[in-house]
N, C-alpha and C. Protein backbone atom coordinates (compact mmCIF):
# COMPACT_ATOMS: atom_id res chain seq x y z
N MET A 1 -0.85 63.05 -234.48
CA MET A 1 -1.20 62.80 -233.12
C MET A 1 -0.19 63.51 -232.21
N ALA A 2 -0.69 64.13 -231.14
CA ALA A 2 0.17 64.85 -230.22
C ALA A 2 1.05 63.89 -229.45
N LYS A 3 2.27 64.31 -229.20
CA LYS A 3 3.22 63.48 -228.46
C LYS A 3 3.18 63.87 -226.99
N LEU A 4 3.07 62.88 -226.10
CA LEU A 4 3.05 63.16 -224.67
C LEU A 4 4.47 63.38 -224.17
N SER A 5 4.60 64.34 -223.28
CA SER A 5 5.91 64.52 -222.66
C SER A 5 6.14 63.35 -221.70
N LYS A 6 7.38 63.17 -221.28
CA LYS A 6 7.72 62.07 -220.38
C LYS A 6 6.90 62.16 -219.10
N MET A 7 6.68 63.34 -218.58
CA MET A 7 5.92 63.54 -217.35
C MET A 7 4.46 63.19 -217.56
N GLU A 8 3.87 63.54 -218.68
CA GLU A 8 2.46 63.28 -218.95
C GLU A 8 2.20 61.80 -219.19
N GLY A 9 3.17 61.08 -219.65
CA GLY A 9 2.99 59.68 -219.99
C GLY A 9 3.23 58.71 -218.84
N SER A 10 3.59 59.21 -217.67
CA SER A 10 3.88 58.30 -216.56
C SER A 10 2.88 58.50 -215.44
N LEU A 11 2.62 57.42 -214.74
CA LEU A 11 1.71 57.46 -213.60
C LEU A 11 2.51 57.61 -212.32
N ASN A 12 1.96 58.37 -211.39
CA ASN A 12 2.61 58.42 -210.08
C ASN A 12 2.17 57.19 -209.28
N GLU A 13 2.72 57.01 -208.11
CA GLU A 13 2.44 55.82 -207.32
C GLU A 13 0.95 55.68 -207.00
N LYS A 14 0.32 56.77 -206.59
CA LYS A 14 -1.10 56.72 -206.25
C LYS A 14 -1.94 56.30 -207.46
N ASP A 15 -1.67 56.88 -208.61
CA ASP A 15 -2.42 56.52 -209.83
C ASP A 15 -2.19 55.06 -210.22
N SER A 16 -0.96 54.60 -210.08
CA SER A 16 -0.65 53.20 -210.40
C SER A 16 -1.40 52.25 -209.47
N LEU A 17 -1.37 52.56 -208.17
CA LEU A 17 -2.07 51.70 -207.22
C LEU A 17 -3.58 51.74 -207.44
N THR A 18 -4.11 52.91 -207.75
CA THR A 18 -5.54 53.03 -208.04
C THR A 18 -5.92 52.19 -209.25
N ASP A 19 -5.10 52.24 -210.29
CA ASP A 19 -5.34 51.43 -211.48
C ASP A 19 -5.29 49.94 -211.14
N MET A 20 -4.31 49.54 -210.34
CA MET A 20 -4.19 48.14 -209.93
C MET A 20 -5.42 47.70 -209.13
N LEU A 21 -5.87 48.56 -208.21
CA LEU A 21 -7.03 48.23 -207.38
C LEU A 21 -8.28 48.06 -208.25
N ASN A 22 -8.49 48.99 -209.18
CA ASN A 22 -9.65 48.91 -210.06
C ASN A 22 -9.59 47.68 -210.95
N THR A 23 -8.41 47.33 -211.40
CA THR A 23 -8.25 46.13 -212.23
C THR A 23 -8.61 44.88 -211.44
N GLU A 24 -8.13 44.78 -210.21
CA GLU A 24 -8.45 43.62 -209.37
C GLU A 24 -9.95 43.55 -209.10
N LYS A 25 -10.59 44.69 -208.89
CA LYS A 25 -12.04 44.70 -208.67
C LYS A 25 -12.78 44.19 -209.91
N MET A 26 -12.33 44.60 -211.09
CA MET A 26 -12.96 44.12 -212.32
C MET A 26 -12.74 42.61 -212.49
N LEU A 27 -11.55 42.14 -212.16
CA LEU A 27 -11.27 40.70 -212.22
C LEU A 27 -12.20 39.93 -211.28
N LEU A 28 -12.39 40.45 -210.07
CA LEU A 28 -13.29 39.79 -209.13
C LEU A 28 -14.70 39.70 -209.68
N ASP A 29 -15.17 40.77 -210.29
CA ASP A 29 -16.50 40.74 -210.90
C ASP A 29 -16.57 39.70 -212.01
N SER A 30 -15.55 39.65 -212.84
CA SER A 30 -15.53 38.70 -213.96
C SER A 30 -15.45 37.26 -213.47
N TYR A 31 -14.59 37.00 -212.49
CA TYR A 31 -14.49 35.64 -211.95
C TYR A 31 -15.78 35.22 -211.25
N SER A 32 -16.42 36.15 -210.57
CA SER A 32 -17.69 35.84 -209.91
C SER A 32 -18.72 35.38 -210.93
N LEU A 33 -18.80 36.10 -212.03
CA LEU A 33 -19.73 35.72 -213.10
C LEU A 33 -19.33 34.36 -213.69
N ALA A 34 -18.05 34.16 -213.93
CA ALA A 34 -17.58 32.90 -214.51
C ALA A 34 -17.89 31.72 -213.58
N ILE A 35 -17.76 31.93 -212.28
CA ILE A 35 -18.08 30.86 -211.32
C ILE A 35 -19.56 30.50 -211.42
N LYS A 36 -20.41 31.51 -211.50
CA LYS A 36 -21.86 31.26 -211.59
C LYS A 36 -22.25 30.60 -212.91
N GLU A 37 -21.53 30.92 -213.98
CA GLU A 37 -21.91 30.45 -215.31
C GLU A 37 -21.13 29.21 -215.77
N GLY A 38 -20.10 28.82 -215.02
CA GLY A 38 -19.29 27.66 -215.41
C GLY A 38 -20.15 26.40 -215.52
N CYS A 39 -19.89 25.59 -216.53
CA CYS A 39 -20.76 24.44 -216.81
C CYS A 39 -20.25 23.13 -216.22
N THR A 40 -19.04 23.13 -215.66
CA THR A 40 -18.55 21.91 -215.01
C THR A 40 -17.95 22.27 -213.65
N LYS A 41 -17.90 21.27 -212.78
CA LYS A 41 -17.33 21.51 -211.45
C LYS A 41 -15.86 21.88 -211.53
N SER A 42 -15.13 21.23 -212.43
CA SER A 42 -13.70 21.52 -212.52
C SER A 42 -13.46 22.94 -213.03
N LEU A 43 -14.28 23.39 -213.96
CA LEU A 43 -14.15 24.76 -214.47
C LEU A 43 -14.48 25.77 -213.37
N ARG A 44 -15.56 25.51 -212.66
CA ARG A 44 -15.94 26.40 -211.55
C ARG A 44 -14.85 26.43 -210.48
N SER A 45 -14.26 25.28 -210.22
CA SER A 45 -13.19 25.19 -209.23
C SER A 45 -11.98 26.03 -209.65
N GLN A 46 -11.65 25.96 -210.93
CA GLN A 46 -10.52 26.75 -211.45
C GLN A 46 -10.81 28.24 -211.34
N PHE A 47 -12.03 28.64 -211.69
CA PHE A 47 -12.39 30.06 -211.57
C PHE A 47 -12.39 30.50 -210.10
N LEU A 48 -12.82 29.62 -209.21
CA LEU A 48 -12.82 29.95 -207.79
C LEU A 48 -11.40 30.15 -207.28
N SER A 49 -10.48 29.34 -207.76
CA SER A 49 -9.08 29.49 -207.39
C SER A 49 -8.54 30.84 -207.87
N CYS A 50 -8.88 31.20 -209.09
CA CYS A 50 -8.47 32.50 -209.64
C CYS A 50 -9.11 33.65 -208.87
N PHE A 51 -10.38 33.48 -208.51
CA PHE A 51 -11.10 34.49 -207.73
C PHE A 51 -10.41 34.73 -206.39
N THR A 52 -10.05 33.63 -205.72
CA THR A 52 -9.40 33.74 -204.42
C THR A 52 -8.07 34.49 -204.52
N LYS A 53 -7.29 34.20 -205.54
CA LYS A 53 -6.01 34.89 -205.73
C LYS A 53 -6.23 36.37 -206.04
N ALA A 54 -7.22 36.68 -206.88
CA ALA A 54 -7.52 38.08 -207.20
C ALA A 54 -8.00 38.82 -205.96
N GLN A 55 -8.77 38.14 -205.10
CA GLN A 55 -9.24 38.75 -203.87
C GLN A 55 -8.07 39.08 -202.95
N GLU A 56 -7.11 38.17 -202.87
CA GLU A 56 -5.92 38.41 -202.05
C GLU A 56 -5.12 39.58 -202.61
N ASN A 57 -4.98 39.64 -203.93
CA ASN A 57 -4.25 40.75 -204.57
C ASN A 57 -4.97 42.07 -204.32
N GLN A 58 -6.28 42.06 -204.46
CA GLN A 58 -7.07 43.28 -204.25
C GLN A 58 -6.87 43.80 -202.83
N PHE A 59 -6.91 42.90 -201.86
CA PHE A 59 -6.76 43.32 -200.47
C PHE A 59 -5.35 43.83 -200.20
N THR A 60 -4.35 43.22 -200.82
CA THR A 60 -2.97 43.68 -200.66
C THR A 60 -2.81 45.10 -201.19
N VAL A 61 -3.35 45.36 -202.38
CA VAL A 61 -3.26 46.71 -202.96
C VAL A 61 -4.04 47.70 -202.11
N PHE A 62 -5.25 47.32 -201.69
CA PHE A 62 -6.06 48.19 -200.84
C PHE A 62 -5.31 48.54 -199.56
N SER A 63 -4.71 47.53 -198.92
CA SER A 63 -3.98 47.76 -197.67
C SER A 63 -2.80 48.70 -197.88
N GLU A 64 -2.10 48.53 -198.99
CA GLU A 64 -0.97 49.42 -199.32
C GLU A 64 -1.45 50.85 -199.50
N MET A 65 -2.56 51.01 -200.21
CA MET A 65 -3.10 52.35 -200.44
C MET A 65 -3.55 52.99 -199.13
N LYS A 66 -4.19 52.20 -198.28
CA LYS A 66 -4.65 52.72 -196.99
C LYS A 66 -3.47 53.13 -196.13
N GLU A 67 -2.42 52.30 -196.11
CA GLU A 67 -1.22 52.58 -195.32
C GLU A 67 -0.53 53.87 -195.76
N LYS A 68 -0.53 54.12 -197.07
CA LYS A 68 0.14 55.30 -197.61
C LYS A 68 -0.76 56.54 -197.59
N GLY A 69 -2.00 56.37 -197.15
CA GLY A 69 -2.92 57.51 -197.07
C GLY A 69 -3.61 57.82 -198.39
N TYR A 70 -3.54 56.91 -199.36
CA TYR A 70 -4.17 57.13 -200.65
C TYR A 70 -5.64 56.73 -200.66
N TYR A 71 -6.03 55.92 -199.68
CA TYR A 71 -7.41 55.41 -199.62
C TYR A 71 -7.90 55.73 -198.22
N LYS A 72 -8.67 56.77 -198.10
CA LYS A 72 -9.13 57.20 -196.79
C LYS A 72 -10.48 56.58 -196.48
N LEU A 73 -10.58 56.06 -195.27
CA LEU A 73 -11.83 55.49 -194.80
C LEU A 73 -12.44 56.44 -193.78
N MET A 74 -13.73 56.62 -193.90
CA MET A 74 -14.43 57.46 -192.94
C MET A 74 -15.28 56.56 -192.06
N PRO A 75 -15.22 56.77 -190.75
CA PRO A 75 -16.04 55.94 -189.88
C PRO A 75 -17.52 56.22 -190.13
N ALA A 76 -18.30 55.16 -190.11
CA ALA A 76 -19.74 55.31 -190.32
C ALA A 76 -20.40 55.75 -189.01
N GLU A 77 -21.39 56.58 -189.13
CA GLU A 77 -22.14 57.02 -187.95
C GLU A 77 -23.05 55.89 -187.50
N LYS A 78 -23.24 55.76 -186.19
CA LYS A 78 -24.06 54.69 -185.64
C LYS A 78 -25.47 54.73 -186.21
N GLN A 79 -26.02 55.91 -186.39
CA GLN A 79 -27.38 56.04 -186.92
C GLN A 79 -27.47 55.45 -188.32
N MET A 80 -26.46 55.70 -189.14
CA MET A 80 -26.46 55.17 -190.50
C MET A 80 -26.34 53.64 -190.48
N LEU A 81 -25.48 53.10 -189.61
CA LEU A 81 -25.33 51.65 -189.48
C LEU A 81 -26.64 51.01 -189.02
N ASP A 82 -27.27 51.62 -188.04
CA ASP A 82 -28.54 51.10 -187.55
C ASP A 82 -29.60 51.09 -188.65
N GLN A 83 -29.65 52.16 -189.44
CA GLN A 83 -30.63 52.24 -190.52
C GLN A 83 -30.38 51.18 -191.58
N LYS A 84 -29.14 50.99 -191.96
CA LYS A 84 -28.80 49.97 -192.95
C LYS A 84 -29.14 48.58 -192.43
N SER A 85 -28.89 48.34 -191.15
CA SER A 85 -29.21 47.06 -190.54
C SER A 85 -30.71 46.81 -190.57
N GLU A 86 -31.50 47.83 -190.24
CA GLU A 86 -32.96 47.71 -190.30
C GLU A 86 -33.42 47.45 -191.73
N ASP A 87 -32.84 48.16 -192.68
CA ASP A 87 -33.21 47.95 -194.09
C ASP A 87 -32.92 46.52 -194.52
N PHE A 88 -31.79 45.99 -194.10
CA PHE A 88 -31.39 44.63 -194.46
C PHE A 88 -32.36 43.61 -193.87
N ILE A 89 -32.72 43.79 -192.60
CA ILE A 89 -33.66 42.89 -191.94
C ILE A 89 -35.01 42.94 -192.63
N LYS A 90 -35.46 44.14 -192.93
CA LYS A 90 -36.76 44.32 -193.63
C LYS A 90 -36.75 43.61 -194.98
N MET A 91 -35.67 43.78 -195.74
CA MET A 91 -35.56 43.15 -197.05
C MET A 91 -35.56 41.63 -196.91
N GLY A 92 -34.87 41.12 -195.92
CA GLY A 92 -34.85 39.68 -195.69
C GLY A 92 -36.24 39.13 -195.39
N LYS A 93 -37.01 39.87 -194.60
CA LYS A 93 -38.37 39.44 -194.29
C LYS A 93 -39.26 39.46 -195.53
N GLU A 94 -39.09 40.49 -196.37
CA GLU A 94 -39.86 40.58 -197.61
C GLU A 94 -39.54 39.43 -198.55
N ILE A 95 -38.30 39.08 -198.63
CA ILE A 95 -37.88 37.96 -199.50
C ILE A 95 -38.45 36.65 -198.97
N ALA A 96 -38.41 36.48 -197.65
CA ALA A 96 -38.91 35.25 -197.03
C ALA A 96 -40.42 35.08 -197.24
N GLN A 97 -41.15 36.18 -197.36
CA GLN A 97 -42.60 36.12 -197.55
C GLN A 97 -42.96 35.72 -198.98
N ASN A 98 -42.09 35.95 -199.91
CA ASN A 98 -42.38 35.65 -201.32
C ASN A 98 -42.06 34.27 -201.67
């Protein structure tokens, strides 16, 4: 097996933060499923507590990345926002009819 040099084996700050952010997102998905599937109130409550902490961690990492310029946000165009809003309203009406 090939040996990695010291440089190849280490993550830079951006890569580390990206990995942390993706991990927190996966945890949120897993806790969300566990909350829905939990069979007792106490179990669901425990998963909800874990979910809340993971959500706080995810936002902290996201904020750090945004502050350092690693996570760029692009403003949405008004036309796109209006279209998405219309789509959402239409979907809500369709669901209500069924």
